[in-house]
Protein backbone atom coordinates (compact mmCIF):
# COMPACT_ATOMS: atom_id res chain seq x y z
CA UNK A 1 0.00 0.00 0.00
CA UNK A 2 1.32 3.44 -0.92
CA UNK A 3 2.04 6.07 1.70
CA UNK A 4 0.06 9.30 1.85
CA UNK A 5 3.07 11.18 0.50
CA UNK A 6 3.34 8.81 -2.49
CA UNK A 7 -0.40 9.15 -3.16
CA UNK A 8 -0.16 12.96 -3.02
CA UNK A 9 2.74 12.82 -5.48
CA UNK A 10 0.80 10.55 -7.84
CA UNK A 11 -2.21 12.86 -7.57
CA UNK A 12 0.00 15.84 -8.46
CA UNK A 13 1.24 14.04 -11.56
CA UNK A 14 -2.29 13.15 -12.66
CA UNK A 15 -3.46 16.72 -12.05
CA UNK A 16 -0.58 18.05 -14.13
CA UNK A 17 -1.81 16.04 -17.12
CA UNK A 18 -5.35 17.35 -16.63
CA UNK A 19 -4.11 20.94 -16.20
CA UNK A 20 -2.06 20.77 -19.41
CA UNK A 21 -4.97 19.25 -21.32
CA UNK A 22 -7.30 21.97 -20.06
CA UNK A 23 -4.76 24.62 -21.06
CA UNK A 24 -4.45 23.17 -24.56
CA UNK A 25 -8.23 22.95 -24.90
CA UNK A 26 -8.33 26.66 -24.09
CA UNK A 27 -6.24 27.36 -27.18
CA UNK A 28 -8.83 25.76 -29.48
CA UNK A 29 -11.71 27.44 -31.21
CA UNK A 30 -14.62 26.07 -29.21
CA UNK A 31 -18.28 26.75 -29.70
CA UNK A 32 -20.46 28.08 -26.91
CA UNK A 33 -21.07 24.59 -25.47
CA UNK A 34 -17.37 23.75 -25.72
CA UNK A 35 -16.41 26.93 -23.88
CA UNK A 36 -18.95 26.16 -21.14
CA UNK A 37 -17.58 22.63 -20.72
CA UNK A 38 -14.01 23.94 -20.73
CA UNK A 39 -14.87 26.45 -17.99
CA UNK A 40 -16.37 23.65 -15.87
CA UNK A 41 -13.24 21.57 -16.41
CA UNK A 42 -10.90 24.46 -15.66
CA UNK A 43 -12.81 25.43 -12.49
CA UNK A 44 -12.66 21.82 -11.27
CA UNK A 45 -8.96 21.62 -12.05
CA UNK A 46 -8.27 24.78 -10.07
CA UNK A 47 -10.21 23.45 -7.07
CA UNK A 48 -8.41 20.09 -7.25
CA UNK A 49 -5.01 21.79 -7.45
CA UNK A 50 -5.83 23.94 -4.41
CA UNK A 51 -6.97 20.90 -2.42
CA UNK A 52 -3.85 18.97 -3.45
CA UNK A 53 -1.66 21.87 -2.32
CA UNK A 54 -3.39 21.85 1.08
CA UNK A 55 -2.86 18.09 1.31
CA UNK A 56 0.83 18.38 0.46
CA UNK A 57 1.28 21.27 2.91
CA UNK A 58 -0.42 19.21 5.62
CA UNK A 59 1.82 16.22 4.92
CA UNK A 60 4.88 18.47 4.96
CA UNK A 61 3.94 20.01 8.33
CA UNK A 62 3.16 16.56 9.78
CA UNK A 63 6.62 15.34 8.78
CA UNK A 64 8.24 18.35 10.50
CA UNK A 65 6.76 17.39 13.87
PDB file of N, CA and C in Angstrom:
ATOM      1  N   UNK A   1       0.846  -1.188   0.000  1.00  0.00           N
ATOM      2  CA  UNK A   1       0.000   0.000   0.000  1.00  0.00           C
ATOM      3  C   UNK A   1       0.886   1.243   0.000  1.00  0.00           C
ATOM      4  N   UNK A   2       0.518   2.228  -0.818  1.00  0.00           N
ATOM      5  CA  UNK A   2       1.321   3.442  -0.918  1.00  0.00           C
ATOM      6  C   UNK A   2       1.102   4.340   0.294  1.00  0.00           C
ATOM      7  N   UNK A   3       2.142   5.107   0.608  1.00  0.00           N
ATOM      8  CA  UNK A   3       2.040   6.067   1.700  1.00  0.00           C
ATOM      9  C   UNK A   3       1.219   7.275   1.236  1.00  0.00           C
ATOM     10  N   UNK A   4       0.801   8.095   2.189  1.00  0.00           N
ATOM     11  CA  UNK A   4       0.056   9.304   1.849  1.00  0.00           C
ATOM     12  C   UNK A   4       0.901  10.235   0.992  1.00  0.00           C
ATOM     13  N   UNK A   5       2.175  10.317   1.280  1.00  0.00           N
ATOM     14  CA  UNK A   5       3.070  11.176   0.500  1.00  0.00           C
ATOM     15  C   UNK A   5       3.164  10.685  -0.948  1.00  0.00           C
ATOM     16  N   UNK A   6       3.277   9.367  -1.137  1.00  0.00           N
ATOM     17  CA  UNK A   6       3.337   8.810  -2.495  1.00  0.00           C
ATOM     18  C   UNK A   6       2.027   9.056  -3.240  1.00  0.00           C
ATOM     19  N   UNK A   7       0.902   8.908  -2.535  1.00  0.00           N
ATOM     20  CA  UNK A   7      -0.400   9.154  -3.158  1.00  0.00           C
ATOM     21  C   UNK A   7      -0.548  10.620  -3.562  1.00  0.00           C
ATOM     22  N   UNK A   8      -0.096  11.531  -2.697  1.00  0.00           N
ATOM     23  CA  UNK A   8      -0.157  12.961  -3.019  1.00  0.00           C
ATOM     24  C   UNK A   8       0.709  13.267  -4.239  1.00  0.00           C
ATOM     25  N   UNK A   9       1.857  12.632  -4.327  1.00  0.00           N
ATOM     26  CA  UNK A   9       2.743  12.821  -5.479  1.00  0.00           C
ATOM     27  C   UNK A   9       2.076  12.301  -6.757  1.00  0.00           C
ATOM     28  N   UNK A  10       1.494  11.116  -6.681  1.00  0.00           N
ATOM     29  CA  UNK A  10       0.804  10.547  -7.842  1.00  0.00           C
ATOM     30  C   UNK A  10      -0.373  11.421  -8.264  1.00  0.00           C
ATOM     31  N   UNK A  11      -1.090  11.963  -7.277  1.00  0.00           N
ATOM     32  CA  UNK A  11      -2.207  12.856  -7.574  1.00  0.00           C
ATOM     33  C   UNK A  11      -1.701  14.118  -8.275  1.00  0.00           C
ATOM     34  N   UNK A  12      -0.582  14.659  -7.812  1.00  0.00           N
ATOM     35  CA  UNK A  12      -0.001  15.836  -8.457  1.00  0.00           C
ATOM     36  C   UNK A  12       0.333  15.555  -9.910  1.00  0.00           C
ATOM     37  N   UNK A  13       0.902  14.402 -10.179  1.00  0.00           N
ATOM     38  CA  UNK A  13       1.244  14.035 -11.556  1.00  0.00           C
ATOM     39  C   UNK A  13       0.003  13.919 -12.428  1.00  0.00           C
ATOM     40  N   UNK A  14      -1.054  13.289 -11.900  1.00  0.00           N
ATOM     41  CA  UNK A  14      -2.292  13.150 -12.659  1.00  0.00           C
ATOM     42  C   UNK A  14      -2.924  14.520 -12.898  1.00  0.00           C
ATOM     43  N   UNK A  15      -2.903  15.380 -11.895  1.00  0.00           N
ATOM     44  CA  UNK A  15      -3.465  16.721 -12.052  1.00  0.00           C
ATOM     45  C   UNK A  15      -2.691  17.535 -13.077  1.00  0.00           C
ATOM     46  N   UNK A  16      -1.391  17.325 -13.150  1.00  0.00           N
ATOM     47  CA  UNK A  16      -0.579  18.050 -14.132  1.00  0.00           C
ATOM     48  C   UNK A  16      -1.037  17.715 -15.552  1.00  0.00           C
ATOM     49  N   UNK A  17      -1.325  16.456 -15.806  1.00  0.00           N
ATOM     50  CA  UNK A  17      -1.814  16.045 -17.123  1.00  0.00           C
ATOM     51  C   UNK A  17      -3.147  16.723 -17.421  1.00  0.00           C
ATOM     52  N   UNK A  18      -4.035  16.745 -16.443  1.00  0.00           N
ATOM     53  CA  UNK A  18      -5.350  17.354 -16.629  1.00  0.00           C
ATOM     54  C   UNK A  18      -5.211  18.865 -16.833  1.00  0.00           C
ATOM     55  N   UNK A  19      -4.324  19.499 -16.063  1.00  0.00           N
ATOM     56  CA  UNK A  19      -4.108  20.940 -16.204  1.00  0.00           C
ATOM     57  C   UNK A  19      -3.584  21.280 -17.602  1.00  0.00           C
ATOM     58  N   UNK A  20      -2.618  20.506 -18.076  1.00  0.00           N
ATOM     59  CA  UNK A  20      -2.056  20.770 -19.408  1.00  0.00           C
ATOM     60  C   UNK A  20      -3.097  20.553 -20.501  1.00  0.00           C
ATOM     61  N   UNK A  21      -3.912  19.514 -20.345  1.00  0.00           N
ATOM     62  CA  UNK A  21      -4.966  19.245 -21.316  1.00  0.00           C
ATOM     63  C   UNK A  21      -5.980  20.385 -21.327  1.00  0.00           C
ATOM     64  N   UNK A  22      -6.366  20.855 -20.152  1.00  0.00           N
ATOM     65  CA  UNK A  22      -7.301  21.968 -20.064  1.00  0.00           C
ATOM     66  C   UNK A  22      -6.707  23.219 -20.705  1.00  0.00           C
ATOM     67  N   UNK A  23      -5.426  23.467 -20.441  1.00  0.00           N
ATOM     68  CA  UNK A  23      -4.759  24.619 -21.058  1.00  0.00           C
ATOM     69  C   UNK A  23      -4.808  24.524 -22.575  1.00  0.00           C
ATOM     70  N   UNK A  24      -4.451  23.351 -23.103  1.00  0.00           N
ATOM     71  CA  UNK A  24      -4.448  23.171 -24.561  1.00  0.00           C
ATOM     72  C   UNK A  24      -5.848  23.299 -25.149  1.00  0.00           C
ATOM     73  N   UNK A  25      -6.849  22.798 -24.432  1.00  0.00           N
ATOM     74  CA  UNK A  25      -8.226  22.952 -24.899  1.00  0.00           C
ATOM     75  C   UNK A  25      -8.594  24.427 -24.995  1.00  0.00           C
ATOM     76  N   UNK A  26      -8.046  25.227 -24.084  1.00  0.00           N
ATOM     77  CA  UNK A  26      -8.326  26.659 -24.088  1.00  0.00           C
ATOM     78  C   UNK A  26      -7.745  27.373 -25.290  1.00  0.00           C
ATOM     79  N   UNK A  27      -6.825  26.741 -25.988  1.00  0.00           N
ATOM     80  CA  UNK A  27      -6.240  27.363 -27.183  1.00  0.00           C
ATOM     81  C   UNK A  27      -7.034  27.038 -28.444  1.00  0.00           C
ATOM     82  N   UNK A  28      -8.026  26.169 -28.320  1.00  0.00           N
ATOM     83  CA  UNK A  28      -8.826  25.757 -29.477  1.00  0.00           C
ATOM     84  C   UNK A  28     -10.012  26.684 -29.680  1.00  0.00           C
ATOM     85  N   UNK A  29     -10.472  26.728 -30.905  1.00  0.00           N
ATOM     86  CA  UNK A  29     -11.710  27.441 -31.206  1.00  0.00           C
ATOM     87  C   UNK A  29     -12.865  26.528 -30.806  1.00  0.00           C
ATOM     88  N   UNK A  30     -13.513  26.874 -29.705  1.00  0.00           N
ATOM     89  CA  UNK A  30     -14.621  26.069 -29.205  1.00  0.00           C
ATOM     90  C   UNK A  30     -15.917  26.839 -29.390  1.00  0.00           C
ATOM     91  N   UNK A  31     -16.969  26.114 -29.643  1.00  0.00           N
ATOM     92  CA  UNK A  31     -18.283  26.754 -29.705  1.00  0.00           C
ATOM     93  C   UNK A  31     -18.739  27.117 -28.294  1.00  0.00           C
ATOM     94  N   UNK A  32     -19.925  27.653 -28.214  1.00  0.00           N
ATOM     95  CA  UNK A  32     -20.461  28.077 -26.913  1.00  0.00           C
ATOM     96  C   UNK A  32     -20.518  26.916 -25.922  1.00  0.00           C
ATOM     97  N   UNK A  33     -21.010  25.765 -26.350  1.00  0.00           N
ATOM     98  CA  UNK A  33     -21.067  24.594 -25.467  1.00  0.00           C
ATOM     99  C   UNK A  33     -19.669  24.152 -25.057  1.00  0.00           C
ATOM    100  N   UNK A  34     -18.743  24.149 -26.012  1.00  0.00           N
ATOM    101  CA  UNK A  34     -17.370  23.751 -25.719  1.00  0.00           C
ATOM    102  C   UNK A  34     -16.721  24.670 -24.698  1.00  0.00           C
ATOM    103  N   UNK A  35     -16.957  25.960 -24.841  1.00  0.00           N
ATOM    104  CA  UNK A  35     -16.407  26.932 -23.876  1.00  0.00           C
ATOM    105  C   UNK A  35     -17.003  26.717 -22.483  1.00  0.00           C
ATOM    106  N   UNK A  36     -18.297  26.407 -22.438  1.00  0.00           N
ATOM    107  CA  UNK A  36     -18.946  26.164 -21.143  1.00  0.00           C
ATOM    108  C   UNK A  36     -18.355  24.921 -20.474  1.00  0.00           C
ATOM    109  N   UNK A  37     -18.168  23.851 -21.266  1.00  0.00           N
ATOM    110  CA  UNK A  37     -17.575  22.629 -20.720  1.00  0.00           C
ATOM    111  C   UNK A  37     -16.132  22.874 -20.300  1.00  0.00           C
ATOM    112  N   UNK A  38     -15.405  23.643 -21.084  1.00  0.00           N
ATOM    113  CA  UNK A  38     -14.014  23.935 -20.730  1.00  0.00           C
ATOM    114  C   UNK A  38     -13.945  24.725 -19.428  1.00  0.00           C
ATOM    115  N   UNK A  39     -14.853  25.676 -19.233  1.00  0.00           N
ATOM    116  CA  UNK A  39     -14.871  26.445 -17.993  1.00  0.00           C
ATOM    117  C   UNK A  39     -15.148  25.534 -16.801  1.00  0.00           C
ATOM    118  N   UNK A  40     -16.095  24.605 -16.946  1.00  0.00           N
ATOM    119  CA  UNK A  40     -16.366  23.649 -15.868  1.00  0.00           C
ATOM    120  C   UNK A  40     -15.118  22.831 -15.550  1.00  0.00           C
ATOM    121  N   UNK A  41     -14.461  22.348 -16.597  1.00  0.00           N
ATOM    122  CA  UNK A  41     -13.238  21.571 -16.414  1.00  0.00           C
ATOM    123  C   UNK A  41     -12.168  22.404 -15.722  1.00  0.00           C
ATOM    124  N   UNK A  42     -11.943  23.612 -16.216  1.00  0.00           N
ATOM    125  CA  UNK A  42     -10.901  24.464 -15.659  1.00  0.00           C
ATOM    126  C   UNK A  42     -11.186  24.825 -14.200  1.00  0.00           C
ATOM    127  N   UNK A  43     -12.448  25.127 -13.885  1.00  0.00           N
ATOM    128  CA  UNK A  43     -12.809  25.430 -12.492  1.00  0.00           C
ATOM    129  C   UNK A  43     -12.551  24.230 -11.590  1.00  0.00           C
ATOM    130  N   UNK A  44     -12.912  23.036 -12.054  1.00  0.00           N
ATOM    131  CA  UNK A  44     -12.664  21.823 -11.273  1.00  0.00           C
ATOM    132  C   UNK A  44     -11.184  21.556 -11.082  1.00  0.00           C
ATOM    133  N   UNK A  45     -10.413  21.796 -12.128  1.00  0.00           N
ATOM    134  CA  UNK A  45      -8.959  21.617 -12.049  1.00  0.00           C
ATOM    135  C   UNK A  45      -8.379  22.560 -11.000  1.00  0.00           C
ATOM    136  N   UNK A  46      -8.799  23.811 -11.033  1.00  0.00           N
ATOM    137  CA  UNK A  46      -8.273  24.780 -10.071  1.00  0.00           C
ATOM    138  C   UNK A  46      -8.615  24.388  -8.636  1.00  0.00           C
ATOM    139  N   UNK A  47      -9.826  23.904  -8.423  1.00  0.00           N
ATOM    140  CA  UNK A  47     -10.210  23.446  -7.068  1.00  0.00           C
ATOM    141  C   UNK A  47      -9.372  22.236  -6.650  1.00  0.00           C
ATOM    142  N   UNK A  48      -9.188  21.290  -7.559  1.00  0.00           N
ATOM    143  CA  UNK A  48      -8.412  20.090  -7.245  1.00  0.00           C
ATOM    144  C   UNK A  48      -6.960  20.437  -6.942  1.00  0.00           C
ATOM    145  N   UNK A  49      -6.394  21.366  -7.682  1.00  0.00           N
ATOM    146  CA  UNK A  49      -5.013  21.791  -7.448  1.00  0.00           C
ATOM    147  C   UNK A  49      -4.893  22.448  -6.072  1.00  0.00           C
ATOM    148  N   UNK A  50      -5.860  23.277  -5.716  1.00  0.00           N
ATOM    149  CA  UNK A  50      -5.830  23.939  -4.408  1.00  0.00           C
ATOM    150  C   UNK A  50      -5.941  22.916  -3.274  1.00  0.00           C
ATOM    151  N   UNK A  51      -6.816  21.946  -3.433  1.00  0.00           N
ATOM    152  CA  UNK A  51      -6.968  20.896  -2.424  1.00  0.00           C
ATOM    153  C   UNK A  51      -5.690  20.079  -2.318  1.00  0.00           C
ATOM    154  N   UNK A  52      -5.092  19.747  -3.464  1.00  0.00           N
ATOM    155  CA  UNK A  52      -3.852  18.971  -3.453  1.00  0.00           C
ATOM    156  C   UNK A  52      -2.726  19.741  -2.774  1.00  0.00           C
ATOM    157  N   UNK A  53      -2.680  21.057  -2.986  1.00  0.00           N
ATOM    158  CA  UNK A  53      -1.664  21.875  -2.317  1.00  0.00           C
ATOM    159  C   UNK A  53      -1.865  21.836  -0.806  1.00  0.00           C
ATOM    160  N   UNK A  54      -3.107  21.937  -0.360  1.00  0.00           N
ATOM    161  CA  UNK A  54      -3.394  21.852   1.076  1.00  0.00           C
ATOM    162  C   UNK A  54      -2.963  20.496   1.638  1.00  0.00           C
ATOM    163  N   UNK A  55      -3.248  19.435   0.889  1.00  0.00           N
ATOM    164  CA  UNK A  55      -2.859  18.089   1.311  1.00  0.00           C
ATOM    165  C   UNK A  55      -1.351  17.979   1.436  1.00  0.00           C
ATOM    166  N   UNK A  56      -0.633  18.454   0.433  1.00  0.00           N
ATOM    167  CA  UNK A  56       0.830  18.380   0.463  1.00  0.00           C
ATOM    168  C   UNK A  56       1.410  19.240   1.589  1.00  0.00           C
ATOM    169  N   UNK A  57       0.834  20.418   1.810  1.00  0.00           N
ATOM    170  CA  UNK A  57       1.284  21.270   2.914  1.00  0.00           C
ATOM    171  C   UNK A  57       1.053  20.587   4.256  1.00  0.00           C
ATOM    172  N   UNK A  58      -0.092  19.941   4.392  1.00  0.00           N
ATOM    173  CA  UNK A  58      -0.419  19.214   5.623  1.00  0.00           C
ATOM    174  C   UNK A  58       0.576  18.073   5.851  1.00  0.00           C
ATOM    175  N   UNK A  59       0.864  17.321   4.809  1.00  0.00           N
ATOM    176  CA  UNK A  59       1.819  16.222   4.924  1.00  0.00           C
ATOM    177  C   UNK A  59       3.203  16.740   5.282  1.00  0.00           C
ATOM    178  N   UNK A  60       3.571  17.862   4.681  1.00  0.00           N
ATOM    179  CA  UNK A  60       4.885  18.467   4.958  1.00  0.00           C
ATOM    180  C   UNK A  60       4.958  18.902   6.428  1.00  0.00           C
ATOM    181  N   UNK A  61       3.904  19.551   6.930  1.00  0.00           N
ATOM    182  CA  UNK A  61       3.938  20.013   8.328  1.00  0.00           C
ATOM    183  C   UNK A  61       3.903  18.828   9.294  1.00  0.00           C
ATOM    184  N   UNK A  62       3.186  17.754   8.927  1.00  0.00           N
ATOM    185  CA  UNK A  62       3.164  16.560   9.778  1.00  0.00           C
ATOM    186  C   UNK A  62       4.553  15.920   9.875  1.00  0.00           C
ATOM    187  N   UNK A  63       5.298  15.970   8.775  1.00  0.00           N
ATOM    188  CA  UNK A  63       6.623  15.345   8.782  1.00  0.00           C
ATOM    189  C   UNK A  63       7.634  16.186   9.549  1.00  0.00           C
ATOM    190  N   UNK A  64       7.318  17.473   9.756  1.00  0.00           N
ATOM    191  CA  UNK A  64       8.239  18.348  10.501  1.00  0.00           C
ATOM    192  C   UNK A  64       8.069  18.197  12.002  1.00  0.00           C
ATOM    193  N   UNK A  65       6.996  17.559  12.433  1.00  0.00           N
ATOM    194  CA  UNK A  65       6.756  17.394  13.873  1.00  0.00           C
ATOM    195  C   UNK A  65       7.654  16.373  14.513  1.00  0.00           C
TER     196      UNK A  65
END
